Amino acid sequence: MLRSALVLPSLLVLLAAGCGVPVEDTPRVIEVGTPSRAATGAPSAAASGPAAESLYLIRDGSLVPVQRRLAAEPDPQRLLGDLLAGPTEAEQDRGLGTALGGRDVVASVRLIDGVAHVELPAGIENTGRNDDVLAFGQIVCTLTSRRDVTGVVFTRQGARIGVPLPDASLSQDPLRAADYAALIANG
């Protein structure tokens, strides 16, 4: 019995050490509530329901609007969680992807007077990736698809940061889907 009591804690320590959770250099905000599909892995096939959410995915270097049906309209945090979870298998079969996949790109989102304040963890902007503008475009276009979101600003530790636009400039101003219109696919 004593041997079992010693083996079990050791086994738990070994399992926890090998669980694959990366170590982070800085703390991040964890939103408490119902886990989004981003927290549980790839999204399943689109559900049906009376509410719709508009997500912007990518295909061939363009932003493509996608409608998904839900039981209730998602709040901004859930909407971003669904976007970060990436395309469903059916959407992938239609050639849709994401510039956000595999990256912990959003720490939190707060809606203040109609403007979504997206807090980014350290190192997300200026990564040198060619698809950075698509990644920010996906977030801006998805959030501003909500009637109550008039713009999106990106912050780090509460301070606004500049993010890339299609014309290669940086902006700290509240952004709208119109700022990424050159990247939105027609039809």
C-alpha atoms as a PDB file:
ATOM      1  CA  MET A   1       0.000   0.000   0.000  1.00  0.00           C
ATOM      2  CA  LEU A   2       2.823   2.400   0.871  1.00  0.00           C
ATOM      3  CA  ARG A   3       4.468   1.652  -2.452  1.00  0.00           C
ATOM      4  CA  SER A   4       1.264   2.601  -4.325  1.00  0.00           C
ATOM      5  CA  ALA A   5       1.036   5.832  -2.339  1.00  0.00           C
ATOM      6  CA  LEU A   6       4.562   6.784  -3.474  1.00  0.00           C
ATOM      7  CA  VAL A   7       4.176   5.675  -7.100  1.00  0.00           C
ATOM      8  CA  LEU A   8       0.948   7.577  -7.813  1.00  0.00           C
ATOM      9  CA  PRO A   9       2.294  11.087  -7.019  1.00  0.00           C
ATOM     10  CA  SER A  10       5.473  10.355  -8.988  1.00  0.00           C
ATOM     11  CA  LEU A  11       3.429   9.185 -11.950  1.00  0.00           C
ATOM     12  CA  LEU A  12       1.268  12.323 -11.812  1.00  0.00           C
ATOM     13  CA  VAL A  13       4.369  14.552 -11.785  1.00  0.00           C
ATOM     14  CA  LEU A  14       5.795  12.739 -14.821  1.00  0.00           C
ATOM     15  CA  LEU A  15       2.505  13.006 -16.712  1.00  0.00           C
ATOM     16  CA  ALA A  16       2.175  16.710 -15.947  1.00  0.00           C
ATOM     17  CA  ALA A  17       5.765  17.397 -16.998  1.00  0.00           C
ATOM     18  CA  GLY A  18       5.238  15.709 -20.336  1.00  0.00           C
ATOM     19  CA  CYS A  19       1.852  17.199 -21.162  1.00  0.00           C
ATOM     20  CA  GLY A  20       3.220  19.509 -23.862  1.00  0.00           C
ATOM     21  CA  VAL A  21       2.047  22.782 -22.355  1.00  0.00           C
ATOM     22  CA  PRO A  22       4.576  25.464 -23.339  1.00  0.00           C
ATOM     23  CA  VAL A  23       6.203  27.672 -20.721  1.00  0.00           C
ATOM     24  CA  GLU A  24       5.381  31.370 -21.109  1.00  0.00           C
ATOM     25  CA  ASP A  25       7.723  34.239 -20.256  1.00  0.00           C
ATOM     26  CA  THR A  26       4.934  36.657 -19.332  1.00  0.00           C
ATOM     27  CA  PRO A  27       1.555  36.245 -17.653  1.00  0.00           C
ATOM     28  CA  ARG A  28      -1.582  36.404 -19.779  1.00  0.00           C
ATOM     29  CA  VAL A  29      -5.240  37.020 -19.089  1.00  0.00           C
ATOM     30  CA  ILE A  30      -7.347  33.882 -18.998  1.00  0.00           C
ATOM     31  CA  GLU A  31     -11.028  34.488 -19.581  1.00  0.00           C
ATOM     32  CA  VAL A  32     -13.195  32.418 -17.249  1.00  0.00           C
ATOM     33  CA  GLY A  33     -16.351  30.891 -18.666  1.00  0.00           C
ATOM     34  CA  THR A  34     -17.456  28.287 -21.145  1.00  0.00           C
ATOM     35  CA  PRO A  35     -14.464  26.996 -23.106  1.00  0.00           C
ATOM     36  CA  SER A  36     -14.464  28.007 -26.747  1.00  0.00           C
ATOM     37  CA  ARG A  37     -13.622  25.651 -29.550  1.00  0.00           C
ATOM     38  CA  ALA A  38     -10.176  27.315 -29.592  1.00  0.00           C
ATOM     39  CA  ALA A  39      -9.521  25.764 -26.208  1.00  0.00           C
ATOM     40  CA  THR A  40     -10.786  22.339 -27.219  1.00  0.00           C
ATOM     41  CA  GLY A  41      -9.019  21.934 -30.576  1.00  0.00           C
ATOM     42  CA  ALA A  42     -10.243  22.232 -34.148  1.00  0.00           C
ATOM     43  CA  PRO A  43     -13.863  23.220 -34.608  1.00  0.00           C
ATOM     44  CA  SER A  44     -16.364  20.592 -35.539  1.00  0.00           C
ATOM     45  CA  ALA A  45     -18.752  20.914 -38.445  1.00  0.00           C
ATOM     46  CA  ALA A  46     -20.775  24.117 -38.364  1.00  0.00           C
ATOM     47  CA  ALA A  47     -23.786  23.843 -36.089  1.00  0.00           C
ATOM     48  CA  SER A  48     -27.233  25.048 -36.944  1.00  0.00           C
ATOM     49  CA  GLY A  49     -29.165  27.606 -34.975  1.00  0.00           C
ATOM     50  CA  PRO A  50     -31.096  30.867 -35.134  1.00  0.00           C
ATOM     51  CA  ALA A  51     -28.050  33.146 -34.666  1.00  0.00           C
ATOM     52  CA  ALA A  52     -25.230  33.744 -37.118  1.00  0.00           C
ATOM     53  CA  GLU A  53     -21.610  34.630 -36.713  1.00  0.00           C
ATOM     54  CA  SER A  54     -19.444  36.011 -39.492  1.00  0.00           C
ATOM     55  CA  LEU A  55     -15.832  34.921 -39.503  1.00  0.00           C
ATOM     56  CA  TYR A  56     -13.178  35.973 -41.988  1.00  0.00           C
ATOM     57  CA  LEU A  57     -10.946  33.143 -43.171  1.00  0.00           C
ATOM     58  CA  ILE A  58      -8.408  33.233 -45.999  1.00  0.00           C
ATOM     59  CA  ARG A  59      -8.118  31.697 -49.443  1.00  0.00           C
ATOM     60  CA  ASP A  60      -5.441  32.509 -52.014  1.00  0.00           C
ATOM     61  CA  GLY A  61      -4.235  35.593 -50.126  1.00  0.00           C
ATOM     62  CA  SER A  62      -7.726  37.080 -49.693  1.00  0.00           C
ATOM     63  CA  LEU A  63     -10.095  37.475 -46.762  1.00  0.00           C
ATOM     64  CA  VAL A  64     -13.267  35.430 -47.266  1.00  0.00           C
ATOM     65  CA  PRO A  65     -16.409  35.963 -45.138  1.00  0.00           C
ATOM     66  CA  VAL A  66     -17.932  32.754 -43.765  1.00  0.00           C
ATOM     67  CA  GLN A  67     -21.276  32.447 -41.999  1.00  0.00           C
ATOM     68  CA  ARG A  68     -21.772  29.915 -39.220  1.00  0.00           C
ATOM     69  CA  ARG A  69     -25.062  29.233 -37.427  1.00  0.00           C
ATOM     70  CA  LEU A  70     -25.129  29.127 -33.621  1.00  0.00           C
ATOM     71  CA  ALA A  71     -27.710  28.702 -30.882  1.00  0.00           C
ATOM     72  CA  ALA A  72     -27.067  32.274 -29.675  1.00  0.00           C
ATOM     73  CA  GLU A  73     -25.126  35.302 -30.906  1.00  0.00           C
ATOM     74  CA  PRO A  74     -21.547  35.082 -29.592  1.00  0.00           C
ATOM     75  CA  ASP A  75     -19.974  37.843 -27.539  1.00  0.00           C
ATOM     76  CA  PRO A  76     -16.696  39.314 -28.884  1.00  0.00           C
ATOM     77  CA  GLN A  77     -14.514  36.924 -26.834  1.00  0.00           C
ATOM     78  CA  ARG A  78     -16.395  33.850 -28.108  1.00  0.00           C
ATOM     79  CA  LEU A  79     -16.354  35.230 -31.670  1.00  0.00           C
ATOM     80  CA  LEU A  80     -12.567  35.577 -31.517  1.00  0.00           C
ATOM     81  CA  GLY A  81     -12.290  32.133 -29.946  1.00  0.00           C
ATOM     82  CA  ASP A  82     -14.216  30.655 -32.864  1.00  0.00           C
ATOM     83  CA  LEU A  83     -11.981  32.530 -35.335  1.00  0.00           C
ATOM     84  CA  LEU A  84      -8.798  31.365 -33.610  1.00  0.00           C
ATOM     85  CA  ALA A  85     -10.057  27.768 -33.673  1.00  0.00           C
ATOM     86  CA  GLY A  86      -9.710  27.936 -37.459  1.00  0.00           C
ATOM     87  CA  PRO A  87     -11.810  26.555 -40.275  1.00  0.00           C
ATOM     88  CA  THR A  88     -14.036  23.511 -39.911  1.00  0.00           C
ATOM     89  CA  GLU A  89     -13.235  20.426 -41.992  1.00  0.00           C
ATOM     90  CA  ALA A  90     -15.944  21.457 -44.487  1.00  0.00           C
ATOM     91  CA  GLU A  91     -14.415  24.939 -44.758  1.00  0.00           C
ATOM     92  CA  GLN A  92     -10.956  23.416 -45.242  1.00  0.00           C
ATOM     93  CA  ASP A  93     -12.404  21.240 -48.017  1.00  0.00           C
ATOM     94  CA  ARG A  94     -13.509  24.497 -49.709  1.00  0.00           C
ATOM     95  CA  GLY A  95      -9.898  25.732 -49.628  1.00  0.00           C
ATOM     96  CA  LEU A  96     -10.298  28.052 -46.638  1.00  0.00           C
ATOM     97  CA  GLY A  97      -7.540  28.520 -44.088  1.00  0.00           C
ATOM     98  CA  THR A  98      -6.289  31.005 -41.539  1.00  0.00           C
ATOM     99  CA  ALA A  99      -3.245  33.172 -40.949  1.00  0.00           C
ATOM    100  CA  LEU A 100      -3.916  32.784 -37.209  1.00  0.00           C
ATOM    101  CA  GLY A 101      -3.538  29.041 -36.826  1.00  0.00           C
ATOM    102  CA  GLY A 102      -1.131  27.690 -34.268  1.00  0.00           C
ATOM    103  CA  ARG A 103      -0.474  31.079 -32.668  1.00  0.00           C
ATOM    104  CA  ASP A 104      -1.619  32.330 -29.295  1.00  0.00           C
ATOM    105  CA  VAL A 105      -2.442  35.711 -30.788  1.00  0.00           C
ATOM    106  CA  VAL A 106      -5.037  37.195 -28.458  1.00  0.00           C
ATOM    107  CA  ALA A 107      -4.843  37.558 -24.703  1.00  0.00           C
ATOM    108  CA  SER A 108      -8.293  39.180 -24.338  1.00  0.00           C
ATOM    109  CA  VAL A 109     -10.846  41.420 -26.002  1.00  0.00           C
ATOM    110  CA  ARG A 110     -12.969  44.104 -24.323  1.00  0.00           C
ATOM    111  CA  LEU A 111     -15.710  46.194 -25.896  1.00  0.00           C
ATOM    112  CA  ILE A 112     -15.522  49.845 -24.748  1.00  0.00           C
ATOM    113  CA  ASP A 113     -17.949  52.370 -26.274  1.00  0.00           C
ATOM    114  CA  GLY A 114     -18.290  50.275 -29.424  1.00  0.00           C
ATOM    115  CA  VAL A 115     -14.538  49.788 -29.940  1.00  0.00           C
ATOM    116  CA  ALA A 116     -13.068  46.325 -29.440  1.00  0.00           C
ATOM    117  CA  HIS A 117      -9.764  46.529 -27.567  1.00  0.00           C
ATOM    118  CA  VAL A 118      -7.749  43.439 -28.474  1.00  0.00           C
ATOM    119  CA  GLU A 119      -4.899  42.806 -26.056  1.00  0.00           C
ATOM    120  CA  LEU A 120      -1.991  40.985 -27.684  1.00  0.00           C
ATOM    121  CA  PRO A 121       0.686  38.945 -25.954  1.00  0.00           C
ATOM    122  CA  ALA A 122       4.323  39.916 -26.421  1.00  0.00           C
ATOM    123  CA  GLY A 123       5.848  39.380 -29.844  1.00  0.00           C
ATOM    124  CA  ILE A 124       2.746  39.086 -32.014  1.00  0.00           C
ATOM    125  CA  GLU A 125       3.235  42.127 -34.252  1.00  0.00           C
ATOM    126  CA  ASN A 126       6.298  42.718 -36.399  1.00  0.00           C
ATOM    127  CA  THR A 127       6.989  39.005 -36.727  1.00  0.00           C
ATOM    128  CA  GLY A 128       8.158  39.422 -40.316  1.00  0.00           C
ATOM    129  CA  ARG A 129       5.523  37.007 -41.562  1.00  0.00           C
ATOM    130  CA  ASN A 130       4.032  37.835 -44.954  1.00  0.00           C
ATOM    131  CA  ASP A 131       0.557  37.005 -43.699  1.00  0.00           C
ATOM    132  CA  ASP A 132       0.578  39.393 -40.698  1.00  0.00           C
ATOM    133  CA  VAL A 133      -1.691  41.815 -42.556  1.00  0.00           C
ATOM    134  CA  LEU A 134      -4.092  38.931 -43.276  1.00  0.00           C
ATOM    135  CA  ALA A 135      -4.043  37.874 -39.621  1.00  0.00           C
ATOM    136  CA  PHE A 136      -4.914  41.370 -38.396  1.00  0.00           C
ATOM    137  CA  GLY A 137      -7.462  41.697 -41.216  1.00  0.00           C
ATOM    138  CA  GLN A 138      -9.150  38.477 -40.087  1.00  0.00           C
ATOM    139  CA  ILE A 139      -9.511  39.823 -36.552  1.00  0.00           C
ATOM    140  CA  VAL A 140     -10.699  43.300 -37.586  1.00  0.00           C
ATOM    141  CA  CYS A 141     -13.199  42.095 -40.188  1.00  0.00           C
ATOM    142  CA  THR A 142     -14.562  39.374 -37.903  1.00  0.00           C
ATOM    143  CA  LEU A 143     -15.067  41.675 -34.912  1.00  0.00           C
ATOM    144  CA  THR A 144     -16.559  44.538 -36.946  1.00  0.00           C
ATOM    145  CA  SER A 145     -19.075  42.120 -38.460  1.00  0.00           C
ATOM    146  CA  ARG A 146     -20.947  42.609 -35.170  1.00  0.00           C
ATOM    147  CA  ARG A 147     -23.397  45.509 -35.198  1.00  0.00           C
ATOM    148  CA  ASP A 148     -22.134  46.779 -31.837  1.00  0.00           C
ATOM    149  CA  VAL A 149     -18.445  46.935 -32.868  1.00  0.00           C
ATOM    150  CA  THR A 150     -17.532  50.142 -34.713  1.00  0.00           C
ATOM    151  CA  GLY A 151     -13.764  49.654 -34.686  1.00  0.00           C
ATOM    152  CA  VAL A 152     -10.868  47.573 -33.369  1.00  0.00           C
ATOM    153  CA  VAL A 153      -7.680  48.734 -31.670  1.00  0.00           C
ATOM    154  CA  PHE A 154      -4.783  46.507 -30.706  1.00  0.00           C
ATOM    155  CA  THR A 155      -2.975  46.946 -27.406  1.00  0.00           C
ATOM    156  CA  ARG A 156      -0.131  45.494 -25.412  1.00  0.00           C
ATOM    157  CA  GLN A 157      -0.199  46.065 -21.667  1.00  0.00           C
ATOM    158  CA  GLY A 158      -3.030  48.528 -22.321  1.00  0.00           C
ATOM    159  CA  ALA A 159      -1.055  50.756 -24.738  1.00  0.00           C
ATOM    160  CA  ARG A 160      -2.063  50.969 -28.401  1.00  0.00           C
ATOM    161  CA  ILE A 161       0.294  49.441 -30.928  1.00  0.00           C
ATOM    162  CA  GLY A 162       0.540  49.910 -34.683  1.00  0.00           C
ATOM    163  CA  VAL A 163      -0.640  47.043 -36.875  1.00  0.00           C
ATOM    164  CA  PRO A 164      -0.114  46.523 -40.609  1.00  0.00           C
ATOM    165  CA  LEU A 165      -2.593  47.616 -43.264  1.00  0.00           C
ATOM    166  CA  PRO A 166      -2.754  46.395 -46.886  1.00  0.00           C
ATOM    167  CA  ASP A 167      -0.798  49.458 -48.085  1.00  0.00           C
ATOM    168  CA  ALA A 168       2.150  48.452 -45.819  1.00  0.00           C
ATOM    169  CA  SER A 169       1.505  51.316 -43.391  1.00  0.00           C
ATOM    170  CA  LEU A 170       0.924  50.864 -39.663  1.00  0.00           C
ATOM    171  CA  SER A 171      -2.080  52.202 -37.795  1.00  0.00           C
ATOM    172  CA  GLN A 172      -2.919  52.685 -34.131  1.00  0.00           C
ATOM    173  CA  ASP A 173      -6.366  54.107 -34.968  1.00  0.00           C
ATOM    174  CA  PRO A 174      -9.584  52.120 -34.578  1.00  0.00           C
ATOM    175  CA  LEU A 175      -9.749  49.891 -37.652  1.00  0.00           C
ATOM    176  CA  ARG A 176     -12.789  48.723 -39.624  1.00  0.00           C
ATOM    177  CA  ALA A 177     -13.373  46.147 -42.343  1.00  0.00           C
ATOM    178  CA  ALA A 178     -13.132  49.002 -44.876  1.00  0.00           C
ATOM    179  CA  ASP A 179      -9.445  49.367 -43.946  1.00  0.00           C
ATOM    180  CA  TYR A 180      -8.892  45.839 -45.287  1.00  0.00           C
ATOM    181  CA  ALA A 181     -11.308  46.102 -48.257  1.00  0.00           C
ATOM    182  CA  ALA A 182      -8.459  45.569 -50.741  1.00  0.00           C
ATOM    183  CA  LEU A 183      -7.975  42.082 -49.275  1.00  0.00           C
ATOM    184  CA  ILE A 184     -11.632  40.997 -49.123  1.00  0.00           C
ATOM    185  CA  ALA A 185     -12.527  38.495 -51.849  1.00  0.00           C
ATOM    186  CA  ASN A 186     -15.291  39.500 -54.248  1.00  0.00           C
ATOM    187  CA  GLY A 187     -18.054  36.920 -54.492  1.00  0.00           C
END
